[in-house]
Amino acid sequence: MFDIPSATLNAAYLDMGYLLNADLTVLVNFTNPNKKVSVYFSPMYIDAYYGGTLIATTYIEPFTARKHQSMFANVHMVASQVRLGLLESQRLKKQLESSRAGFEIKGYFRARANFGSLLRYSYKLHGDCTVVLSRPPFGVMVGRKCKTRH
């Protein structure tokens, strides 16, 4: 399972009206809901989007989540001079003025469970969270909606 219990928007501004500079910190929760086996998560990529534009990406080192355990990763993401379309730029300006900006955080990873020494089960997971953050510099998360799919 993929979830974001906390996120902050440390900075966000537009250069020249359309080049996004942003600083986000996201706490990502990976949960192994299985009560019988450990799950190995690898490789993991976390992407941040504003509208349809990819603004930042990062990699998380592989790890194992024991039976019915959660693992947390504190992810720092920086967008530097990312070109936004005209409509996205105008929408972000309005959102920052109204003190609420929405971002999408997507996680891509593979999970593998070993059932004894003979049987391995491996599958790809895709986590998708929409987060709403208040205006920087104290941009705390005020809403979220997350889904995890195979």
N, C-alpha and C. Protein backbone atom coordinates (compact mmCIF):
# COMPACT_ATOMS: atom_id res chain seq x y z
N MET A 1 0.84 -1.18 0.00
CA MET A 1 0.00 0.00 0.00
C MET A 1 0.89 1.25 0.00
N PHE A 2 0.43 2.27 -0.64
CA PHE A 2 1.15 3.53 -0.80
C PHE A 2 0.27 4.64 -0.25
N ASP A 3 0.82 5.46 0.65
CA ASP A 3 0.04 6.54 1.24
C ASP A 3 0.97 7.71 1.55
N ILE A 4 0.39 8.89 1.65
CA ILE A 4 1.14 10.09 2.03
C ILE A 4 0.45 10.70 3.25
N PRO A 5 0.98 10.41 4.45
CA PRO A 5 0.37 10.96 5.66
C PRO A 5 0.69 12.43 5.90
N SER A 6 1.77 12.92 5.27
CA SER A 6 2.17 14.32 5.49
C SER A 6 2.93 14.85 4.28
N ALA A 7 2.73 16.14 4.01
CA ALA A 7 3.47 16.81 2.94
C ALA A 7 3.52 18.30 3.26
N THR A 8 4.61 18.94 2.82
CA THR A 8 4.73 20.38 3.01
C THR A 8 5.19 21.02 1.71
N LEU A 9 4.73 22.23 1.49
CA LEU A 9 5.15 23.05 0.36
C LEU A 9 5.99 24.17 0.94
N ASN A 10 7.31 24.01 0.85
CA ASN A 10 8.25 24.95 1.46
C ASN A 10 8.42 26.23 0.65
N ALA A 11 8.28 26.12 -0.67
CA ALA A 11 8.41 27.28 -1.55
C ALA A 11 7.72 26.96 -2.87
N ALA A 12 7.16 27.99 -3.49
CA ALA A 12 6.59 27.85 -4.83
C ALA A 12 6.42 29.24 -5.42
N TYR A 13 7.02 29.46 -6.57
CA TYR A 13 6.85 30.72 -7.27
C TYR A 13 7.12 30.52 -8.75
N LEU A 14 6.63 31.44 -9.54
CA LEU A 14 6.79 31.39 -10.99
C LEU A 14 7.75 32.49 -11.44
N ASP A 15 8.82 32.10 -12.12
CA ASP A 15 9.71 33.06 -12.77
C ASP A 15 9.11 33.38 -14.14
N MET A 16 9.16 34.65 -14.51
CA MET A 16 8.69 35.10 -15.82
C MET A 16 7.24 34.69 -16.08
N GLY A 17 6.50 34.34 -15.04
CA GLY A 17 5.10 34.01 -15.18
C GLY A 17 4.78 32.59 -15.59
N TYR A 18 5.80 31.76 -15.95
CA TYR A 18 5.49 30.40 -16.40
C TYR A 18 6.55 29.35 -16.03
N LEU A 19 7.67 29.75 -15.40
CA LEU A 19 8.70 28.79 -14.99
C LEU A 19 8.56 28.50 -13.50
N LEU A 20 8.15 27.27 -13.17
CA LEU A 20 7.88 26.90 -11.79
C LEU A 20 9.16 26.54 -11.04
N ASN A 21 9.29 27.12 -9.87
CA ASN A 21 10.31 26.75 -8.89
C ASN A 21 9.54 26.35 -7.64
N ALA A 22 9.76 25.13 -7.17
CA ALA A 22 9.02 24.66 -6.00
C ALA A 22 9.89 23.73 -5.17
N ASP A 23 9.60 23.69 -3.88
CA ASP A 23 10.30 22.84 -2.93
C ASP A 23 9.24 22.11 -2.11
N LEU A 24 9.15 20.79 -2.29
CA LEU A 24 8.16 19.96 -1.59
C LEU A 24 8.87 18.93 -0.72
N THR A 25 8.29 18.64 0.43
CA THR A 25 8.74 17.54 1.26
C THR A 25 7.54 16.62 1.47
N VAL A 26 7.73 15.33 1.19
CA VAL A 26 6.63 14.37 1.25
C VAL A 26 7.05 13.20 2.13
N LEU A 27 6.20 12.82 3.07
CA LEU A 27 6.41 11.62 3.87
C LEU A 27 5.59 10.51 3.21
N VAL A 28 6.28 9.49 2.71
CA VAL A 28 5.62 8.40 1.99
C VAL A 28 5.59 7.17 2.90
N ASN A 29 4.42 6.54 2.97
CA ASN A 29 4.23 5.35 3.79
C ASN A 29 4.01 4.14 2.88
N PHE A 30 4.89 3.14 3.00
CA PHE A 30 4.74 1.87 2.29
C PHE A 30 4.32 0.85 3.34
N THR A 31 3.17 0.22 3.15
CA THR A 31 2.66 -0.72 4.13
C THR A 31 2.56 -2.11 3.53
N ASN A 32 3.03 -3.10 4.28
CA ASN A 32 2.85 -4.50 3.92
C ASN A 32 1.64 -5.00 4.70
N PRO A 33 0.48 -5.15 4.05
CA PRO A 33 -0.71 -5.58 4.77
C PRO A 33 -0.74 -7.08 5.06
N ASN A 34 0.20 -7.84 4.48
CA ASN A 34 0.23 -9.28 4.66
C ASN A 34 0.70 -9.64 6.07
N LYS A 35 -0.01 -10.54 6.72
CA LYS A 35 0.32 -10.94 8.09
C LYS A 35 1.22 -12.17 8.14
N LYS A 36 1.54 -12.76 6.96
CA LYS A 36 2.30 -14.01 6.95
C LYS A 36 3.68 -13.93 6.32
N VAL A 37 3.89 -13.00 5.38
CA VAL A 37 5.18 -12.93 4.70
C VAL A 37 5.69 -11.49 4.63
N SER A 38 7.00 -11.37 4.52
CA SER A 38 7.63 -10.07 4.30
C SER A 38 7.55 -9.72 2.82
N VAL A 39 7.60 -8.42 2.52
CA VAL A 39 7.54 -7.97 1.14
C VAL A 39 8.76 -7.08 0.88
N TYR A 40 9.44 -7.36 -0.24
CA TYR A 40 10.61 -6.59 -0.66
C TYR A 40 10.15 -5.58 -1.72
N PHE A 41 10.39 -4.30 -1.47
CA PHE A 41 10.00 -3.23 -2.39
C PHE A 41 11.22 -2.76 -3.17
N SER A 42 11.14 -2.79 -4.53
CA SER A 42 12.22 -2.29 -5.37
C SER A 42 11.73 -2.19 -6.80
N PRO A 43 12.38 -1.51 -7.70
CA PRO A 43 12.91 -0.17 -7.46
C PRO A 43 11.74 0.79 -7.26
N MET A 44 11.97 1.90 -6.63
CA MET A 44 10.89 2.83 -6.32
C MET A 44 11.20 4.22 -6.85
N TYR A 45 10.26 4.76 -7.59
CA TYR A 45 10.38 6.11 -8.13
C TYR A 45 9.15 6.90 -7.69
N ILE A 46 9.39 8.11 -7.23
CA ILE A 46 8.32 9.00 -6.81
C ILE A 46 8.36 10.22 -7.73
N ASP A 47 7.23 10.53 -8.36
CA ASP A 47 7.12 11.67 -9.26
C ASP A 47 6.11 12.67 -8.71
N ALA A 48 6.41 13.95 -8.89
CA ALA A 48 5.48 15.02 -8.51
C ALA A 48 5.02 15.72 -9.78
N TYR A 49 3.72 15.96 -9.86
CA TYR A 49 3.11 16.61 -11.02
C TYR A 49 2.32 17.84 -10.57
N TYR A 50 2.35 18.85 -11.40
CA TYR A 50 1.38 19.94 -11.26
C TYR A 50 0.57 19.92 -12.54
N GLY A 51 -0.72 19.67 -12.43
CA GLY A 51 -1.54 19.48 -13.62
C GLY A 51 -1.01 18.26 -14.36
N GLY A 52 -0.76 18.37 -15.62
CA GLY A 52 -0.21 17.26 -16.38
C GLY A 52 1.29 17.33 -16.56
N THR A 53 1.95 18.25 -15.85
CA THR A 53 3.38 18.46 -16.04
C THR A 53 4.19 17.82 -14.93
N LEU A 54 5.15 16.97 -15.31
CA LEU A 54 6.08 16.39 -14.35
C LEU A 54 7.02 17.49 -13.88
N ILE A 55 7.05 17.74 -12.56
CA ILE A 55 7.88 18.83 -12.05
C ILE A 55 9.09 18.33 -11.26
N ALA A 56 9.04 17.10 -10.72
CA ALA A 56 10.18 16.57 -9.97
C ALA A 56 10.06 15.05 -9.87
N THR A 57 11.20 14.39 -9.75
CA THR A 57 11.22 12.93 -9.58
C THR A 57 12.37 12.55 -8.66
N THR A 58 12.21 11.44 -7.96
CA THR A 58 13.27 10.96 -7.07
C THR A 58 13.21 9.44 -6.98
N TYR A 59 14.30 8.86 -6.50
CA TYR A 59 14.45 7.41 -6.37
C TYR A 59 14.57 7.08 -4.89
N ILE A 60 13.93 6.00 -4.47
CA ILE A 60 14.05 5.53 -3.08
C ILE A 60 14.73 4.17 -3.11
N GLU A 61 15.71 3.99 -2.25
CA GLU A 61 16.45 2.72 -2.16
C GLU A 61 15.51 1.57 -1.79
N PRO A 62 15.75 0.37 -2.34
CA PRO A 62 14.92 -0.80 -2.00
C PRO A 62 15.00 -1.14 -0.51
N PHE A 63 13.94 -1.76 -0.01
CA PHE A 63 13.91 -2.18 1.40
C PHE A 63 12.89 -3.32 1.55
N THR A 64 12.92 -3.96 2.71
CA THR A 64 11.99 -5.03 3.04
C THR A 64 11.07 -4.57 4.15
N ALA A 65 9.78 -4.77 3.97
CA ALA A 65 8.80 -4.51 5.02
C ALA A 65 8.38 -5.86 5.59
N ARG A 66 8.61 -6.05 6.87
CA ARG A 66 8.26 -7.30 7.52
C ARG A 66 6.74 -7.48 7.56
N LYS A 67 6.31 -8.61 8.08
CA LYS A 67 4.89 -8.94 8.17
C LYS A 67 4.12 -7.82 8.87
N HIS A 68 3.09 -7.33 8.20
CA HIS A 68 2.18 -6.31 8.75
C HIS A 68 2.94 -5.08 9.29
N GLN A 69 3.93 -4.61 8.53
CA GLN A 69 4.78 -3.49 8.94
C GLN A 69 4.67 -2.35 7.94
N SER A 70 4.86 -1.14 8.44
CA SER A 70 4.92 0.05 7.59
C SER A 70 6.33 0.61 7.60
N MET A 71 6.76 1.10 6.45
CA MET A 71 8.05 1.76 6.31
C MET A 71 7.80 3.16 5.77
N PHE A 72 8.51 4.14 6.34
CA PHE A 72 8.33 5.53 5.93
C PHE A 72 9.58 6.04 5.24
N ALA A 73 9.37 6.90 4.24
CA ALA A 73 10.48 7.55 3.54
C ALA A 73 10.17 9.04 3.48
N ASN A 74 11.10 9.84 3.95
CA ASN A 74 10.97 11.30 3.87
C ASN A 74 11.62 11.73 2.55
N VAL A 75 10.80 12.25 1.64
CA VAL A 75 11.25 12.54 0.28
C VAL A 75 11.25 14.05 0.06
N HIS A 76 12.41 14.58 -0.33
CA HIS A 76 12.54 16.01 -0.63
C HIS A 76 12.58 16.15 -2.14
N MET A 77 11.69 16.97 -2.70
CA MET A 77 11.60 17.14 -4.15
C MET A 77 11.71 18.62 -4.50
N VAL A 78 12.53 18.92 -5.50
CA VAL A 78 12.75 20.30 -5.92
C VAL A 78 12.46 20.42 -7.41
N ALA A 79 11.62 21.39 -7.75
CA ALA A 79 11.35 21.71 -9.15
C ALA A 79 12.10 23.01 -9.45
N SER A 80 12.91 23.00 -10.49
CA SER A 80 13.70 24.18 -10.83
C SER A 80 13.47 24.56 -12.29
N GLN A 81 12.86 25.72 -12.49
CA GLN A 81 12.64 26.27 -13.82
C GLN A 81 11.88 25.30 -14.72
N VAL A 82 10.81 24.70 -14.20
CA VAL A 82 9.98 23.79 -14.98
C VAL A 82 8.93 24.60 -15.72
N ARG A 83 8.92 24.46 -17.02
CA ARG A 83 7.99 25.24 -17.84
C ARG A 83 6.56 24.70 -17.70
N LEU A 84 5.64 25.59 -17.34
CA LEU A 84 4.22 25.25 -17.26
C LEU A 84 3.50 25.90 -18.45
N GLY A 85 2.44 25.26 -18.87
CA GLY A 85 1.61 25.84 -19.92
C GLY A 85 0.89 27.08 -19.39
N LEU A 86 0.32 27.84 -20.29
CA LEU A 86 -0.36 29.09 -19.92
C LEU A 86 -1.48 28.85 -18.91
N LEU A 87 -2.34 27.88 -19.19
CA LEU A 87 -3.47 27.61 -18.29
C LEU A 87 -2.99 27.10 -16.92
N GLU A 88 -1.97 26.22 -16.93
CA GLU A 88 -1.44 25.72 -15.66
C GLU A 88 -0.80 26.85 -14.84
N SER A 89 -0.10 27.76 -15.49
CA SER A 89 0.51 28.90 -14.81
C SER A 89 -0.55 29.79 -14.17
N GLN A 90 -1.60 30.08 -14.92
CA GLN A 90 -2.67 30.92 -14.39
C GLN A 90 -3.38 30.24 -13.23
N ARG A 91 -3.62 28.93 -13.35
CA ARG A 91 -4.28 28.19 -12.28
C ARG A 91 -3.43 28.16 -11.02
N LEU A 92 -2.11 27.94 -11.16
CA LEU A 92 -1.23 27.92 -9.99
C LEU A 92 -1.22 29.28 -9.30
N LYS A 93 -1.14 30.36 -10.08
CA LYS A 93 -1.18 31.71 -9.50
C LYS A 93 -2.44 31.90 -8.66
N LYS A 94 -3.58 31.52 -9.20
CA LYS A 94 -4.85 31.65 -8.48
C LYS A 94 -4.88 30.78 -7.23
N GLN A 95 -4.37 29.56 -7.36
CA GLN A 95 -4.35 28.66 -6.20
C GLN A 95 -3.47 29.20 -5.08
N LEU A 96 -2.30 29.72 -5.43
CA LEU A 96 -1.41 30.26 -4.40
C LEU A 96 -1.99 31.51 -3.75
N GLU A 97 -2.70 32.31 -4.53
CA GLU A 97 -3.37 33.50 -3.97
C GLU A 97 -4.50 33.11 -3.02
N SER A 98 -5.19 32.01 -3.35
CA SER A 98 -6.30 31.57 -2.50
C SER A 98 -5.83 30.67 -1.36
N SER A 99 -4.52 30.42 -1.27
CA SER A 99 -3.89 29.67 -0.18
C SER A 99 -4.07 28.15 -0.25
N ARG A 100 -4.41 27.60 -1.42
CA ARG A 100 -4.53 26.15 -1.58
C ARG A 100 -4.02 25.74 -2.96
N ALA A 101 -3.00 24.89 -3.00
CA ALA A 101 -2.47 24.42 -4.29
C ALA A 101 -2.51 22.90 -4.32
N GLY A 102 -2.93 22.33 -5.44
CA GLY A 102 -3.04 20.89 -5.57
C GLY A 102 -1.91 20.31 -6.41
N PHE A 103 -1.33 19.21 -5.93
CA PHE A 103 -0.27 18.50 -6.64
C PHE A 103 -0.62 17.02 -6.66
N GLU A 104 -0.03 16.31 -7.62
CA GLU A 104 -0.22 14.88 -7.70
C GLU A 104 1.13 14.21 -7.46
N ILE A 105 1.15 13.23 -6.55
CA ILE A 105 2.35 12.47 -6.25
C ILE A 105 2.09 11.04 -6.68
N LYS A 106 2.97 10.52 -7.55
CA LYS A 106 2.80 9.15 -8.05
C LYS A 106 4.02 8.33 -7.67
N GLY A 107 3.77 7.10 -7.27
CA GLY A 107 4.84 6.17 -6.92
C GLY A 107 4.77 4.94 -7.80
N TYR A 108 5.90 4.50 -8.30
CA TYR A 108 6.00 3.31 -9.14
C TYR A 108 7.00 2.37 -8.49
N PHE A 109 6.59 1.13 -8.21
CA PHE A 109 7.51 0.21 -7.57
C PHE A 109 7.08 -1.23 -7.80
N ARG A 110 8.02 -2.13 -7.55
CA ARG A 110 7.77 -3.57 -7.66
C ARG A 110 7.82 -4.14 -6.25
N ALA A 111 6.89 -5.05 -5.97
CA ALA A 111 6.86 -5.73 -4.68
C ALA A 111 7.07 -7.22 -4.93
N ARG A 112 7.83 -7.85 -4.04
CA ARG A 112 8.09 -9.28 -4.18
C ARG A 112 7.92 -9.95 -2.82
N ALA A 113 7.14 -11.02 -2.80
CA ALA A 113 6.93 -11.80 -1.58
C ALA A 113 7.47 -13.21 -1.81
N ASN A 114 8.17 -13.74 -0.83
CA ASN A 114 8.70 -15.11 -0.90
C ASN A 114 7.87 -16.01 0.01
N PHE A 115 7.26 -17.02 -0.57
CA PHE A 115 6.50 -18.01 0.19
C PHE A 115 7.37 -19.26 0.30
N GLY A 116 8.23 -19.29 1.32
CA GLY A 116 9.18 -20.39 1.44
C GLY A 116 10.33 -20.19 0.47
N SER A 117 11.07 -21.24 0.22
CA SER A 117 12.25 -21.11 -0.64
C SER A 117 11.92 -21.41 -2.11
N LEU A 118 10.73 -21.95 -2.39
CA LEU A 118 10.42 -22.34 -3.77
C LEU A 118 9.50 -21.37 -4.50
N LEU A 119 8.63 -20.70 -3.80
CA LEU A 119 7.62 -19.88 -4.46
C LEU A 119 7.85 -18.39 -4.20
N ARG A 120 8.00 -17.64 -5.30
CA ARG A 120 8.13 -16.18 -5.22
C ARG A 120 7.00 -15.56 -6.02
N TYR A 121 6.45 -14.49 -5.47
CA TYR A 121 5.37 -13.78 -6.15
C TYR A 121 5.81 -12.32 -6.29
N SER A 122 5.84 -11.85 -7.53
CA SER A 122 6.30 -10.49 -7.81
C SER A 122 5.23 -9.75 -8.59
N TYR A 123 5.02 -8.48 -8.25
CA TYR A 123 4.00 -7.69 -8.93
C TYR A 123 4.39 -6.22 -8.90
N LYS A 124 3.89 -5.48 -9.90
CA LYS A 124 4.14 -4.03 -9.97
C LYS A 124 2.98 -3.31 -9.30
N LEU A 125 3.31 -2.23 -8.59
CA LEU A 125 2.30 -1.40 -7.94
C LEU A 125 2.46 0.04 -8.40
N HIS A 126 1.35 0.73 -8.42
CA HIS A 126 1.32 2.13 -8.81
C HIS A 126 0.49 2.87 -7.76
N GLY A 127 1.12 3.79 -7.04
CA GLY A 127 0.41 4.60 -6.06
C GLY A 127 0.16 5.98 -6.63
N ASP A 128 -1.02 6.51 -6.38
CA ASP A 128 -1.39 7.81 -6.92
C ASP A 128 -2.09 8.61 -5.83
N CYS A 129 -1.49 9.73 -5.44
CA CYS A 129 -2.08 10.59 -4.41
C CYS A 129 -2.24 12.01 -4.93
N THR A 130 -3.39 12.58 -4.66
CA THR A 130 -3.62 13.99 -4.92
C THR A 130 -3.56 14.69 -3.57
N VAL A 131 -2.66 15.66 -3.44
CA VAL A 131 -2.52 16.38 -2.17
C VAL A 131 -2.83 17.85 -2.39
N VAL A 132 -3.46 18.44 -1.39
CA VAL A 132 -3.75 19.87 -1.41
C VAL A 132 -2.95 20.50 -0.28
N LEU A 133 -2.13 21.50 -0.63
CA LEU A 133 -1.22 22.13 0.32
C LEU A 133 -1.54 23.61 0.46
N SER A 134 -1.36 24.13 1.67
CA SER A 134 -1.57 25.56 1.87
C SER A 134 -0.37 26.33 1.31
N ARG A 135 -0.48 27.64 1.31
CA ARG A 135 0.53 28.51 0.69
C ARG A 135 1.85 28.45 1.45
N PRO A 136 2.98 28.44 0.72
CA PRO A 136 4.29 28.47 1.38
C PRO A 136 4.52 29.82 2.05
N PRO A 137 5.43 29.94 2.98
CA PRO A 137 6.47 28.99 3.36
C PRO A 137 6.02 27.95 4.38
N PHE A 138 4.81 28.05 4.90
CA PHE A 138 4.34 27.07 5.88
C PHE A 138 3.26 26.21 5.25
N GLY A 139 3.50 25.73 4.05
CA GLY A 139 2.50 25.00 3.28
C GLY A 139 2.28 23.60 3.80
N VAL A 140 1.31 23.44 4.67
CA VAL A 140 0.99 22.12 5.22
C VAL A 140 -0.11 21.46 4.40
N MET A 141 -0.18 20.15 4.52
CA MET A 141 -1.19 19.40 3.78
C MET A 141 -2.56 19.63 4.43
N VAL A 142 -3.53 20.02 3.62
CA VAL A 142 -4.89 20.24 4.12
C VAL A 142 -5.87 19.22 3.53
N GLY A 143 -5.41 18.38 2.61
CA GLY A 143 -6.27 17.34 2.05
C GLY A 143 -5.47 16.37 1.21
N ARG A 144 -5.98 15.13 1.12
CA ARG A 144 -5.32 14.13 0.30
C ARG A 144 -6.29 13.04 -0.09
N LYS A 145 -5.98 12.39 -1.20
CA LYS A 145 -6.74 11.23 -1.66
C LYS A 145 -5.76 10.30 -2.34
N CYS A 146 -5.64 9.06 -1.85
CA CYS A 146 -4.64 8.13 -2.37
C CYS A 146 -5.28 6.82 -2.81
N LYS A 147 -4.68 6.23 -3.87
CA LYS A 147 -5.09 4.92 -4.37
C LYS A 147 -3.82 4.13 -4.70
N THR A 148 -3.89 2.82 -4.51
CA THR A 148 -2.80 1.93 -4.93
C THR A 148 -3.40 0.89 -5.86
N ARG A 149 -2.75 0.71 -7.02
CA ARG A 149 -3.24 -0.25 -8.00
C ARG A 149 -2.14 -1.21 -8.40
N HIS A 150 -2.57 -2.41 -8.84
CA HIS A 150 -1.63 -3.41 -9.38
C HIS A 150 -1.39 -3.10 -10.83
